[in-house]
C-alpha atoms as a PDB file:
ATOM      1  CA  MET A   1     -11.136  95.706-119.941  1.00  0.00           C
ATOM      2  CA  GLU A   2     -13.983  96.060-122.450  1.00  0.00           C
ATOM      3  CA  TYR A   3     -12.064  93.951-124.965  1.00  0.00           C
ATOM      4  CA  ILE A   4     -11.615  91.190-122.373  1.00  0.00           C
ATOM      5  CA  ILE A   5     -15.354  91.183-121.618  1.00  0.00           C
ATOM      6  CA  ILE A   6     -16.219  91.059-125.328  1.00  0.00           C
ATOM      7  CA  ILE A   7     -13.810  88.156-125.904  1.00  0.00           C
ATOM      8  CA  ALA A   8     -15.213  86.254-122.903  1.00  0.00           C
ATOM      9  CA  ILE A   9     -18.784  86.702-124.143  1.00  0.00           C
ATOM     10  CA  GLY A  10     -17.762  85.571-127.618  1.00  0.00           C
ATOM     11  CA  LEU A  11     -16.099  82.429-126.299  1.00  0.00           C
ATOM     12  CA  ALA A  12     -19.164  81.599-124.194  1.00  0.00           C
ATOM     13  CA  ILE A  13     -21.473  81.964-127.208  1.00  0.00           C
ATOM     14  CA  LEU A  14     -19.127  79.814-129.314  1.00  0.00           C
ATOM     15  CA  ALA A  15     -19.147  77.060-126.678  1.00  0.00           C
ATOM     16  CA  ILE A  16     -22.956  77.028-126.553  1.00  0.00           C
ATOM     17  CA  VAL A  17     -23.289  76.920-130.335  1.00  0.00           C
ATOM     18  CA  THR A  18     -20.638  74.194-130.658  1.00  0.00           C
ATOM     19  CA  ASN A  19     -22.290  72.036-127.999  1.00  0.00           C
ATOM     20  CA  LYS A  20     -25.712  72.448-129.620  1.00  0.00           C
ATOM     21  CA  ALA A  21     -24.301  71.632-133.043  1.00  0.00           C
ATOM     22  CA  ALA A  22     -22.613  68.506-131.708  1.00  0.00           C
ATOM     23  CA  LYS A  23     -25.891  67.249-130.249  1.00  0.00           C
ATOM     24  CA  GLN A  24     -27.748  68.011-133.457  1.00  0.00           C
ATOM     25  CA  THR A  25     -25.074  66.169-135.433  1.00  0.00           C
ATOM     26  CA  ILE A  26     -25.289  63.039-133.274  1.00  0.00           C
ATOM     27  CA  PHE A  27     -29.060  62.806-133.231  1.00  0.00           C
ATOM     28  CA  GLY A  28     -29.253  63.955-136.834  1.00  0.00           C
ATOM     29  CA  LYS A  29     -27.064  61.013-137.788  1.00  0.00           C
ATOM     30  CA  ILE A  30     -29.290  58.683-135.770  1.00  0.00           C
ATOM     31  CA  ASN A  31     -32.323  59.907-137.719  1.00  0.00           C
ATOM     32  CA  LYS A  32     -30.382  59.720-140.975  1.00  0.00           C
ATOM     33  CA  TYR A  33     -30.036  55.979-140.540  1.00  0.00           C
ATOM     34  CA  ARG A  34     -33.820  55.750-140.179  1.00  0.00           C
ATOM     35  CA  LEU A  35     -33.806  54.697-136.566  1.00  0.00           C
ATOM     36  CA  ARG A  36     -36.491  57.100-135.405  1.00  0.00           C
ATOM     37  CA  ASP A  37     -39.068  54.290-135.327  1.00  0.00           C
ATOM     38  CA  LYS A  38     -36.705  52.153-133.235  1.00  0.00           C
ATOM     39  CA  PHE A  39     -36.984  54.371-130.156  1.00  0.00           C
ATOM     40  CA  GLN A  40     -38.841  52.655-127.338  1.00  0.00           C
ATOM     41  CA  PRO A  41     -40.187  54.223-124.130  1.00  0.00           C
ATOM     42  CA  LEU A  42     -38.787  53.029-120.834  1.00  0.00           C
ATOM     43  CA  PRO A  43     -41.180  51.856-118.099  1.00  0.00           C
ATOM     44  CA  GLU A  44     -42.351  54.846-116.077  1.00  0.00           C
ATOM     45  CA  VAL A  45     -42.554  52.965-112.777  1.00  0.00           C
ATOM     46  CA  ASP A  46     -40.496  50.225-111.180  1.00  0.00           C
ATOM     47  CA  SER A  47     -41.692  46.638-111.285  1.00  0.00           C
ATOM     48  CA  GLY A  48     -39.995  46.167-107.942  1.00  0.00           C
ATOM     49  CA  GLU A  49     -36.934  46.894-105.848  1.00  0.00           C
ATOM     50  CA  ILE A  50     -33.736  44.885-105.601  1.00  0.00           C
ATOM     51  CA  THR A  51     -32.386  45.818-102.200  1.00  0.00           C
ATOM     52  CA  ARG A  52     -29.270  44.570-100.477  1.00  0.00           C
ATOM     53  CA  THR A  53     -31.433  42.378 -98.272  1.00  0.00           C
ATOM     54  CA  SER A  54     -33.911  41.148-100.913  1.00  0.00           C
ATOM     55  CA  ALA A  55     -31.274  40.178-103.495  1.00  0.00           C
ATOM     56  CA  ASP A  56     -30.278  36.527-103.553  1.00  0.00           C
ATOM     57  CA  VAL A  57     -26.690  37.707-103.054  1.00  0.00           C
ATOM     58  CA  PHE A  58     -25.129  41.080-102.333  1.00  0.00           C
ATOM     59  CA  THR A  59     -21.388  41.029-101.705  1.00  0.00           C
ATOM     60  CA  VAL A  60     -18.683  43.710-101.606  1.00  0.00           C
ATOM     61  CA  TRP A  61     -15.124  43.204-102.841  1.00  0.00           C
ATOM     62  CA  GLU A  62     -12.756  46.127-102.295  1.00  0.00           C
ATOM     63  CA  GLU A  63      -9.182  46.454-103.555  1.00  0.00           C
ATOM     64  CA  PRO A  64      -6.762  49.424-103.446  1.00  0.00           C
ATOM     65  CA  ASN A  65      -6.226  51.515-106.574  1.00  0.00           C
ATOM     66  CA  VAL A  66      -3.042  49.737-107.633  1.00  0.00           C
ATOM     67  CA  ALA A  67      -3.351  50.979-111.226  1.00  0.00           C
ATOM     68  CA  GLU A  68      -3.729  54.597-110.025  1.00  0.00           C
ATOM     69  CA  THR A  69      -6.618  55.213-112.400  1.00  0.00           C
ATOM     70  CA  PRO A  70      -8.332  58.626-112.131  1.00  0.00           C
ATOM     71  CA  THR A  71     -11.555  58.968-110.181  1.00  0.00           C
ATOM     72  CA  LEU A  72     -15.015  59.318-111.674  1.00  0.00           C
ATOM     73  CA  HIS A  73     -17.971  60.968-109.960  1.00  0.00           C
ATOM     74  CA  ILE A  74     -20.618  58.266-109.708  1.00  0.00           C
ATOM     75  CA  GLY A  75     -24.077  59.199-108.444  1.00  0.00           C
ATOM     76  CA  GLU A  76     -24.451  59.102-104.682  1.00  0.00           C
ATOM     77  CA  SER A  77     -21.169  57.229-104.315  1.00  0.00           C
ATOM     78  CA  GLY A  78     -19.241  60.442-104.981  1.00  0.00           C
ATOM     79  CA  GLU A  79     -15.718  60.243-106.344  1.00  0.00           C
ATOM     80  CA  ARG A  80     -14.719  56.644-107.049  1.00  0.00           C
ATOM     81  CA  TYR A  81     -11.811  55.040-108.809  1.00  0.00           C
ATOM     82  CA  SER A  82     -12.577  52.089-111.099  1.00  0.00           C
ATOM     83  CA  THR A  83     -13.841  49.070-109.182  1.00  0.00           C
ATOM     84  CA  LEU A  84     -15.752  45.955-110.286  1.00  0.00           C
ATOM     85  CA  THR A  85     -16.520  46.134-113.989  1.00  0.00           C
ATOM     86  CA  GLY A  86     -17.132  42.661-115.469  1.00  0.00           C
ATOM     87  CA  VAL A  87     -18.693  39.355-114.396  1.00  0.00           C
ATOM     88  CA  SER A  88     -19.077  35.900-115.938  1.00  0.00           C
ATOM     89  CA  TRP A  89     -20.318  32.555-114.624  1.00  0.00           C
ATOM     90  CA  LEU A  90     -18.069  29.486-114.517  1.00  0.00           C
ATOM     91  CA  ASP A  91     -21.056  27.268-113.687  1.00  0.00           C
ATOM     92  CA  ASN A  92     -24.286  27.549-111.694  1.00  0.00           C
ATOM     93  CA  GLU A  93     -22.412  27.848-108.399  1.00  0.00           C
ATOM     94  CA  THR A  94     -19.338  29.979-109.140  1.00  0.00           C
ATOM     95  CA  PHE A  95     -18.711  33.269-110.921  1.00  0.00           C
ATOM     96  CA  ILE A  96     -15.644  35.349-111.759  1.00  0.00           C
ATOM     97  CA  VAL A  97     -15.322  39.152-111.638  1.00  0.00           C
ATOM     98  CA  ASN A  98     -12.546  41.620-112.458  1.00  0.00           C
ATOM     99  CA  HIS A  99     -11.450  44.684-110.476  1.00  0.00           C
ATOM    100  CA  ARG A 100     -10.150  47.251-112.948  1.00  0.00           C
ATOM    101  CA  SER A 101      -8.058  49.492-110.686  1.00  0.00           C
ATOM    102  CA  GLY A 102      -7.108  46.669-108.324  1.00  0.00           C
ATOM    103  CA  LEU A 103      -5.539  44.704-111.212  1.00  0.00           C
ATOM    104  CA  LYS A 104      -7.169  41.475-110.072  1.00  0.00           C
ATOM    105  CA  MET A 105      -9.793  38.892-110.940  1.00  0.00           C
ATOM    106  CA  ALA A 106     -11.605  36.806-108.342  1.00  0.00           C
ATOM    107  CA  ILE A 107     -13.789  33.705-108.155  1.00  0.00           C
ATOM    108  CA  PHE A 108     -16.776  33.595-105.795  1.00  0.00           C
ATOM    109  CA  ASP A 109     -18.823  30.591-104.656  1.00  0.00           C
ATOM    110  CA  LEU A 110     -22.561  30.964-103.975  1.00  0.00           C
ATOM    111  CA  LYS A 111     -22.233  28.708-100.939  1.00  0.00           C
ATOM    112  CA  ASP A 112     -20.353  31.546 -99.197  1.00  0.00           C
ATOM    113  CA  PRO A 113     -20.173  34.652-101.413  1.00  0.00           C
ATOM    114  CA  SER A 114     -18.965  36.971 -98.645  1.00  0.00           C
ATOM    115  CA  MET A 115     -15.379  36.830 -99.932  1.00  0.00           C
ATOM    116  CA  PRO A 116     -13.488  35.404-102.932  1.00  0.00           C
ATOM    117  CA  VAL A 117     -12.375  31.784-102.820  1.00  0.00           C
ATOM    118  CA  TRP A 118      -9.534  32.674-105.220  1.00  0.00           C
ATOM    119  CA  THR A 119      -7.892  35.809-106.628  1.00  0.00           C
ATOM    120  CA  GLY A 120      -5.463  36.211-109.513  1.00  0.00           C
ATOM    121  CA  GLU A 121      -3.198  39.078-110.540  1.00  0.00           C
ATOM    122  CA  LEU A 122      -3.686  41.005-113.795  1.00  0.00           C
ATOM    123  CA  ASP A 123      -1.009  43.053-115.553  1.00  0.00           C
ATOM    124  CA  TYR A 124      -3.151  46.019-116.579  1.00  0.00           C
ATOM    125  CA  PRO A 125      -6.582  47.632-116.016  1.00  0.00           C
ATOM    126  CA  THR A 126      -9.427  45.563-117.470  1.00  0.00           C
ATOM    127  CA  ASP A 127     -13.064  46.250-118.296  1.00  0.00           C
ATOM    128  CA  ASP A 128     -14.921  43.037-119.120  1.00  0.00           C
ATOM    129  CA  ILE A 129     -14.452  39.342-118.404  1.00  0.00           C
ATOM    130  CA  ALA A 130     -15.800  36.192-120.081  1.00  0.00           C
ATOM    131  CA  ALA A 131     -15.469  32.478-119.346  1.00  0.00           C
ATOM    132  CA  LYS A 132     -15.682  29.423-121.608  1.00  0.00           C
ATOM    133  CA  ARG A 133     -15.844  25.962-120.057  1.00  0.00           C
ATOM    134  CA  ILE A 134     -13.321  23.429-121.393  1.00  0.00           C
ATOM    135  CA  ASP A 135     -14.124  20.477-119.120  1.00  0.00           C
ATOM    136  CA  ALA A 136     -15.402  19.792-115.598  1.00  0.00           C
ATOM    137  CA  THR A 137     -12.467  21.555-113.917  1.00  0.00           C
ATOM    138  CA  THR A 138     -11.017  23.833-116.625  1.00  0.00           C
ATOM    139  CA  TRP A 139     -12.080  27.169-118.130  1.00  0.00           C
ATOM    140  CA  GLU A 140     -10.658  29.643-120.594  1.00  0.00           C
ATOM    141  CA  VAL A 141     -11.115  33.173-119.252  1.00  0.00           C
ATOM    142  CA  CYS A 142     -10.697  36.329-121.319  1.00  0.00           C
ATOM    143  CA  VAL A 143     -10.366  39.871-119.953  1.00  0.00           C
ATOM    144  CA  SER A 144     -10.553  42.986-122.135  1.00  0.00           C
ATOM    145  CA  GLY A 145      -7.407  45.075-121.854  1.00  0.00           C
ATOM    146  CA  CYS A 146      -8.773  48.639-122.027  1.00  0.00           C
ATOM    147  CA  TRP A 147      -5.913  50.836-123.328  1.00  0.00           C
ATOM    148  CA  SER A 148      -3.131  48.302-122.663  1.00  0.00           C
ATOM    149  CA  ALA A 149      -4.158  45.367-124.874  1.00  0.00           C
ATOM    150  CA  VAL A 150      -7.075  43.961-126.827  1.00  0.00           C
ATOM    151  CA  TYR A 151      -7.413  41.126-124.332  1.00  0.00           C
ATOM    152  CA  GLY A 152      -5.603  38.582-122.206  1.00  0.00           C
ATOM    153  CA  ARG A 153      -6.622  34.903-122.292  1.00  0.00           C
ATOM    154  CA  TYR A 154      -6.036  32.632-119.310  1.00  0.00           C
ATOM    155  CA  GLN A 155      -6.557  28.986-118.517  1.00  0.00           C
ATOM    156  CA  ILE A 156      -8.029  28.537-115.040  1.00  0.00           C
ATOM    157  CA  ARG A 157      -8.060  25.062-113.526  1.00  0.00           C
ATOM    158  CA  ARG A 158      -9.814  23.903-110.365  1.00  0.00           C
ATOM    159  CA  SER A 159      -8.266  21.221-108.185  1.00  0.00           C
ATOM    160  CA  ALA A 160      -9.935  17.821-108.422  1.00  0.00           C
ATOM    161  CA  THR A 161      -9.581  17.379-104.660  1.00  0.00           C
ATOM    162  CA  ASP A 162     -10.213  20.910-103.356  1.00  0.00           C
ATOM    163  CA  MET A 163     -13.224  22.758-104.811  1.00  0.00           C
ATOM    164  CA  HIS A 164     -11.779  26.095-103.629  1.00  0.00           C
ATOM    165  CA  ALA A 165      -8.275  25.676-105.059  1.00  0.00           C
ATOM    166  CA  TYR A 166      -7.632  27.238-108.477  1.00  0.00           C
ATOM    167  CA  GLU A 167      -4.587  28.047-110.566  1.00  0.00           C
ATOM    168  CA  ALA A 168      -4.304  30.335-113.603  1.00  0.00           C
ATOM    169  CA  ARG A 169      -1.946  30.287-116.578  1.00  0.00           C
ATOM    170  CA  LEU A 170      -1.626  33.060-119.171  1.00  0.00           C
ATOM    171  CA  LEU A 171      -2.308  31.762-122.685  1.00  0.00           C
ATOM    172  CA  GLU A 172      -2.082  34.927-124.773  1.00  0.00           C
ATOM    173  CA  THR A 173      -1.963  38.700-124.622  1.00  0.00           C
ATOM    174  CA  LEU A 174      -3.221  40.230-127.870  1.00  0.00           C
ATOM    175  CA  ALA A 175      -1.605  43.629-128.398  1.00  0.00           C
ATOM    176  CA  HIS A 176      -3.339  46.638-129.925  1.00  0.00           C
ATOM    177  CA  ALA A 177      -2.332  47.337-133.517  1.00  0.00           C
ATOM    178  CA  GLN A 178      -2.867  51.039-132.791  1.00  0.00           C
ATOM    179  CA  ARG A 179      -3.842  53.249-129.872  1.00  0.00           C
ATOM    180  CA  ASP A 180      -7.223  51.852-128.921  1.00  0.00           C
ATOM    181  CA  PHE A 181      -9.557  50.789-126.119  1.00  0.00           C
ATOM    182  CA  CYS A 182     -11.079  47.314-125.843  1.00  0.00           C
ATOM    183  CA  HIS A 183     -14.265  47.422-123.796  1.00  0.00           C
ATOM    184  CA  GLY A 184     -16.195  44.157-124.122  1.00  0.00           C
ATOM    185  CA  VAL A 185     -15.298  40.486-124.588  1.00  0.00           C
ATOM    186  CA  ASP A 186     -17.417  37.359-124.814  1.00  0.00           C
ATOM    187  CA  TYR A 187     -17.500  33.837-126.232  1.00  0.00           C
ATOM    188  CA  ASP A 188     -20.256  32.765-128.603  1.00  0.00           C
ATOM    189  CA  ASP A 189     -21.097  29.233-129.749  1.00  0.00           C
ATOM    190  CA  GLU A 190     -17.979  29.110-131.959  1.00  0.00           C
ATOM    191  CA  ASN A 191     -15.532  31.979-131.557  1.00  0.00           C
ATOM    192  CA  LEU A 192     -14.133  34.604-129.247  1.00  0.00           C
ATOM    193  CA  CYS A 193     -15.965  37.927-129.529  1.00  0.00           C
ATOM    194  CA  TYR A 194     -14.464  41.253-128.589  1.00  0.00           C
ATOM    195  CA  SER A 195     -15.427  44.836-129.273  1.00  0.00           C
ATOM    196  CA  ILE A 196     -13.539  48.120-129.338  1.00  0.00           C
ATOM    197  CA  HIS A 197     -15.530  51.307-129.035  1.00  0.00           C
ATOM    198  CA  THR A 198     -12.917  54.051-129.306  1.00  0.00           C
ATOM    199  CA  GLY A 199      -9.805  54.764-131.294  1.00  0.00           C
ATOM    200  CA  LYS A 200      -9.221  55.514-134.943  1.00  0.00           C
ATOM    201  CA  ARG A 201     -11.397  52.648-136.174  1.00  0.00           C
ATOM    202  CA  PRO A 202     -14.259  51.676-133.812  1.00  0.00           C
ATOM    203  CA  ARG A 203     -15.311  48.131-134.625  1.00  0.00           C
ATOM    204  CA  VAL A 204     -16.670  44.752-133.535  1.00  0.00           C
ATOM    205  CA  THR A 205     -14.709  41.572-134.180  1.00  0.00           C
ATOM    206  CA  ILE A 206     -16.188  38.066-134.007  1.00  0.00           C
ATOM    207  CA  GLY A 207     -13.461  35.517-134.555  1.00  0.00           C
ATOM    208  CA  VAL A 208     -11.730  36.760-137.707  1.00  0.00           C
ATOM    209  CA  LYS A 209     -14.637  38.844-139.046  1.00  0.00           C
ATOM    210  CA  THR A 210     -14.785  42.573-138.351  1.00  0.00           C
ATOM    211  CA  TYR A 211     -17.899  44.766-138.430  1.00  0.00           C
ATOM    212  CA  LYS A 212     -18.590  48.473-137.984  1.00  0.00           C
ATOM    213  CA  LEU A 213     -21.760  50.196-136.842  1.00  0.00           C
ATOM    214  CA  PRO A 214     -22.792  53.531-138.363  1.00  0.00           C
ATOM    215  CA  PHE A 215     -21.752  56.722-136.578  1.00  0.00           C
ATOM    216  CA  PRO A 216     -22.262  57.619-133.736  1.00  0.00           C
ATOM    217  CA  TRP A 217     -22.660  54.180-132.190  1.00  0.00           C
ATOM    218  CA  GLY A 218     -19.872  52.858-129.967  1.00  0.00           C
ATOM    219  CA  VAL A 219     -20.176  49.185-129.030  1.00  0.00           C
ATOM    220  CA  ARG A 220     -19.894  48.337-125.329  1.00  0.00           C
ATOM    221  CA  ASP A 221     -20.721  44.623-125.041  1.00  0.00           C
ATOM    222  CA  MET A 222     -21.972  41.597-126.960  1.00  0.00           C
ATOM    223  CA  CYS A 223     -23.644  38.257-126.217  1.00  0.00           C
ATOM    224  CA  PHE A 224     -24.947  35.287-128.179  1.00  0.00           C
ATOM    225  CA  ASP A 225     -28.672  34.475-128.215  1.00  0.00           C
ATOM    226  CA  ARG A 226     -28.751  30.698-128.629  1.00  0.00           C
ATOM    227  CA  LYS A 227     -32.538  30.490-128.756  1.00  0.00           C
ATOM    228  CA  ARG A 228     -32.647  32.757-131.836  1.00  0.00           C
ATOM    229  CA  ASN A 229     -29.199  31.838-133.196  1.00  0.00           C
ATOM    230  CA  ARG A 230     -27.930  35.410-133.342  1.00  0.00           C
ATOM    231  CA  HIS A 231     -25.464  37.833-131.806  1.00  0.00           C
ATOM    232  CA  ILE A 232     -26.769  40.834-129.852  1.00  0.00           C
ATOM    233  CA  LEU A 233     -24.749  43.901-128.993  1.00  0.00           C
ATOM    234  CA  VAL A 234     -25.362  47.053-127.011  1.00  0.00           C
ATOM    235  CA  ALA A 235     -24.015  50.413-128.179  1.00  0.00           C
ATOM    236  CA  VAL A 236     -24.163  54.005-126.966  1.00  0.00           C
ATOM    237  CA  SER A 237     -24.284  57.273-128.880  1.00  0.00           C
ATOM    238  CA  ALA A 238     -21.458  58.970-126.972  1.00  0.00           C
ATOM    239  CA  ASN A 239     -18.442  58.116-124.845  1.00  0.00           C
ATOM    240  CA  PRO A 240     -19.118  59.948-121.572  1.00  0.00           C
ATOM    241  CA  LYS A 241     -16.313  61.417-119.495  1.00  0.00           C
ATOM    242  CA  LYS A 242     -16.348  62.491-115.851  1.00  0.00           C
ATOM    243  CA  THR A 243     -19.999  63.301-115.029  1.00  0.00           C
ATOM    244  CA  ALA A 244     -21.273  63.685-118.599  1.00  0.00           C
ATOM    245  CA  TYR A 245     -23.635  60.721-118.607  1.00  0.00           C
ATOM    246  CA  GLY A 246     -26.757  62.595-119.701  1.00  0.00           C
ATOM    247  CA  ASN A 247     -28.095  63.003-123.234  1.00  0.00           C
ATOM    248  CA  VAL A 248     -26.950  59.496-124.220  1.00  0.00           C
ATOM    249  CA  VAL A 249     -28.895  56.989-126.312  1.00  0.00           C
ATOM    250  CA  THR A 250     -28.424  53.237-125.877  1.00  0.00           C
ATOM    251  CA  SER A 251     -29.236  50.919-128.788  1.00  0.00           C
ATOM    252  CA  LEU A 252     -29.513  47.148-129.315  1.00  0.00           C
ATOM    253  CA  TRP A 253     -28.385  45.480-132.548  1.00  0.00           C
ATOM    254  CA  THR A 254     -28.684  41.893-133.824  1.00  0.00           C
ATOM    255  CA  LEU A 255     -26.745  39.795-136.332  1.00  0.00           C
ATOM    256  CA  SER A 256     -28.404  36.519-137.326  1.00  0.00           C
ATOM    257  CA  LYS A 257     -26.206  33.546-138.205  1.00  0.00           C
ATOM    258  CA  GLY A 258     -25.192  33.810-141.847  1.00  0.00           C
ATOM    259  CA  ALA A 259     -26.089  37.511-142.088  1.00  0.00           C
ATOM    260  CA  THR A 260     -23.540  40.219-142.897  1.00  0.00           C
ATOM    261  CA  LYS A 261     -25.399  43.296-141.660  1.00  0.00           C
ATOM    262  CA  TRP A 262     -26.317  44.309-138.132  1.00  0.00           C
ATOM    263  CA  GLU A 263     -29.965  45.315-137.671  1.00  0.00           C
ATOM    264  CA  CYS A 264     -31.098  47.800-135.027  1.00  0.00           C
ATOM    265  CA  LEU A 265     -33.619  46.226-132.643  1.00  0.00           C
ATOM    266  CA  SER A 266     -34.392  49.231-130.432  1.00  0.00           C
ATOM    267  CA  CYS A 267     -33.113  52.512-128.970  1.00  0.00           C
ATOM    268  CA  PHE A 268     -33.591  54.037-125.506  1.00  0.00           C
ATOM    269  CA  ASN A 269     -33.114  57.722-124.758  1.00  0.00           C
ATOM    270  CA  ASN A 270     -31.381  59.011-121.620  1.00  0.00           C
ATOM    271  CA  PHE A 271     -30.031  55.528-120.914  1.00  0.00           C
ATOM    272  CA  HIS A 272     -26.428  54.311-120.629  1.00  0.00           C
ATOM    273  CA  SER A 273     -25.622  50.605-120.654  1.00  0.00           C
ATOM    274  CA  ASP A 274     -22.195  48.985-120.856  1.00  0.00           C
ATOM    275  CA  ALA A 275     -23.333  45.352-120.718  1.00  0.00           C
ATOM    276  CA  LEU A 276     -26.062  42.905-121.690  1.00  0.00           C
ATOM    277  CA  ASP A 277     -27.000  39.245-121.599  1.00  0.00           C
ATOM    278  CA  VAL A 278     -29.993  37.230-122.748  1.00  0.00           C
ATOM    279  CA  CYS A 279     -32.077  34.716-120.817  1.00  0.00           C
ATOM    280  CA  GLY A 280     -34.988  33.011-122.566  1.00  0.00           C
ATOM    281  CA  ASP A 281     -37.217  35.688-124.070  1.00  0.00           C
ATOM    282  CA  HIS A 282     -35.586  38.714-122.425  1.00  0.00           C
ATOM    283  CA  ILE A 283     -32.460  40.800-122.870  1.00  0.00           C
ATOM    284  CA  TRP A 284     -31.206  42.253-119.582  1.00  0.00           C
ATOM    285  CA  LEU A 285     -29.471  45.639-119.423  1.00  0.00           C
ATOM    286  CA  PRO A 286     -27.954  47.594-116.517  1.00  0.00           C
ATOM    287  CA  ASP A 287     -28.574  51.361-116.728  1.00  0.00           C
ATOM    288  CA  GLN A 288     -25.675  53.274-115.173  1.00  0.00           C
ATOM    289  CA  LEU A 289     -27.343  56.636-115.625  1.00  0.00           C
ATOM    290  CA  ASN A 290     -30.428  55.837-113.542  1.00  0.00           C
ATOM    291  CA  ASP A 291     -29.232  52.893-111.389  1.00  0.00           C
ATOM    292  CA  HIS A 292     -31.758  50.525-112.974  1.00  0.00           C
ATOM    293  CA  LEU A 293     -31.883  46.951-114.220  1.00  0.00           C
ATOM    294  CA  VAL A 294     -34.101  46.685-117.314  1.00  0.00           C
ATOM    295  CA  ALA A 295     -35.693  43.676-119.034  1.00  0.00           C
ATOM    296  CA  VAL A 296     -36.250  44.004-122.803  1.00  0.00           C
ATOM    297  CA  ASP A 297     -38.473  41.719-124.883  1.00  0.00           C
ATOM    298  CA  ALA A 298     -36.017  39.850-127.125  1.00  0.00           C
ATOM    299  CA  GLU A 299     -38.460  39.749-130.062  1.00  0.00           C
ATOM    300  CA  THR A 300     -39.895  43.277-130.083  1.00  0.00           C
ATOM    301  CA  GLY A 301     -37.082  45.232-128.411  1.00  0.00           C
ATOM    302  CA  LYS A 302     -39.587  46.813-126.036  1.00  0.00           C
ATOM    303  CA  ALA A 303     -38.502  47.520-122.451  1.00  0.00           C
ATOM    304  CA  VAL A 304     -41.039  45.631-120.338  1.00  0.00           C
ATOM    305  CA  LYS A 305     -39.677  45.751-116.770  1.00  0.00           C
ATOM    306  CA  ARG A 306     -37.577  48.152-114.715  1.00  0.00           C
ATOM    307  CA  TYR A 307     -36.044  47.557-111.288  1.00  0.00           C
ATOM    308  CA  SER A 308     -34.230  49.811-108.836  1.00  0.00           C
ATOM    309  CA  GLY A 309     -33.012  49.521-105.247  1.00  0.00           C
ATOM    310  CA  ASP A 310     -30.012  50.192-103.030  1.00  0.00           C
ATOM    311  CA  SER A 311     -28.197  47.099-104.334  1.00  0.00           C
ATOM    312  CA  LEU A 312     -27.761  48.836-107.718  1.00  0.00           C
ATOM    313  CA  SER A 313     -25.147  51.602-107.771  1.00  0.00           C
ATOM    314  CA  PHE A 314     -23.797  52.548-111.200  1.00  0.00           C
ATOM    315  CA  PRO A 315     -24.386  48.972-112.443  1.00  0.00           C
ATOM    316  CA  HIS A 316     -21.669  48.279-115.005  1.00  0.00           C
ATOM    317  CA  GLY A 317     -21.270  44.567-115.815  1.00  0.00           C
ATOM    318  CA  LEU A 318     -23.844  41.803-116.195  1.00  0.00           C
ATOM    319  CA  GLY A 319     -23.776  38.041-116.695  1.00  0.00           C
ATOM    320  CA  ILE A 320     -26.453  35.334-116.453  1.00  0.00           C
ATOM    321  CA  SER A 321     -25.791  31.795-115.222  1.00  0.00           C
ATOM    322  CA  PRO A 322     -27.033  28.696-117.110  1.00  0.00           C
ATOM    323  CA  ASP A 323     -29.937  28.381-114.657  1.00  0.00           C
ATOM    324  CA  GLY A 324     -30.985  32.040-114.929  1.00  0.00           C
ATOM    325  CA  MET A 325     -29.272  33.891-112.081  1.00  0.00           C
ATOM    326  CA  ILE A 326     -28.411  37.492-113.019  1.00  0.00           C
ATOM    327  CA  ALA A 327     -25.129  38.848-111.635  1.00  0.00           C
ATOM    328  CA  VAL A 328     -24.545  42.618-111.796  1.00  0.00           C
ATOM    329  CA  THR A 329     -21.289  44.358-110.895  1.00  0.00           C
ATOM    330  CA  ASN A 330     -21.737  47.770-109.269  1.00  0.00           C
ATOM    331  CA  TYR A 331     -19.008  50.267-110.070  1.00  0.00           C
ATOM    332  CA  GLY A 332     -20.346  52.655-107.423  1.00  0.00           C
ATOM    333  CA  THR A 333     -20.109  50.328-104.416  1.00  0.00           C
ATOM    334  CA  SER A 334     -17.516  47.783-105.633  1.00  0.00           C
ATOM    335  CA  SER A 335     -20.126  45.069-105.209  1.00  0.00           C
ATOM    336  CA  VAL A 336     -21.972  42.229-106.935  1.00  0.00           C
ATOM    337  CA  THR A 337     -25.764  41.854-106.886  1.00  0.00           C
ATOM    338  CA  ILE A 338     -27.297  38.487-107.808  1.00  0.00           C
ATOM    339  CA  VAL A 339     -31.002  37.870-108.365  1.00  0.00           C
ATOM    340  CA  ASP A 340     -33.150  35.190-110.012  1.00  0.00           C
ATOM    341  CA  ALA A 341     -34.406  36.358-113.444  1.00  0.00           C
ATOM    342  CA  ALA A 342     -37.618  34.303-113.295  1.00  0.00           C
ATOM    343  CA  ARG A 343     -38.456  35.649-109.843  1.00  0.00           C
ATOM    344  CA  LEU A 344     -37.965  39.216-111.055  1.00  0.00           C
ATOM    345  CA  LEU A 345     -40.271  38.743-114.038  1.00  0.00           C
ATOM    346  CA  ASP A 346     -43.027  37.407-111.764  1.00  0.00           C
ATOM    347  CA  ARG A 347     -43.225  40.732-109.938  1.00  0.00           C
END
């Protein structure tokens, strides 16, 4: 009996030491790359609330767990399987979202956002979605394939006679070259962008060029800042599992056109973001850990505004329309929150 107690105590001590060493290694590496001066404080108080009634749009889209993905404990929502993860705008009036566990994508119209005007089947769980306009009635839509594929590309066409009639055609499914996970996809001014944050070789690919960030950063999403002619990506210092969303650092990185090296813009402690987009002079980030929407100065990297409210529940995906409407997908409530960026900044 004494031997069992001694062994149990030894294992407990080993676990504590290992966990502490892991944390020291991660943050030691962050300091090694001279990023200490990149850490920015988050606003201590909210600039306002985004409630279900004050948001320009708050709509819920539920689907059964067709993919049979495991549940994740998400804040006050309790145990949830994967719901709405990505969002992208087709134009100023319509947006498209993907439901990871439901194996579907859906188009919503702002004229009546209470339910989708169109849904399409997907072959595997997806994480992010991006749209590129081809002409007045045609878009190319890309969905990241999580573990199953790098991405799938579709052509979606709207009827010329019925504004609510769409049809989709699969263009390509890009297979993984190795066991991997593709998290984020986006289109920039020239090429298709996609990022993979786990696997044997974490990396970011823009068109045919591949980049790597220093350890421990795992890329989650990317966007193109047309005003400053640069790419921006968001990365986190750890890949949380189950409820382990604490002790995570989120960082922003930029790559100017013609440059070959990513530069760190800023870091935020105790913050977990899987998405970003830029609108004018601000980068917008959802914070899953604290159920916040945060505005970051695009020049300085400083977090200048923070918003909360019951319309934000484990906010996962984010996309901004051409006229500045922010759409956020909420993993916790299987919902989409839409709010005017300019109106938020005036608060």
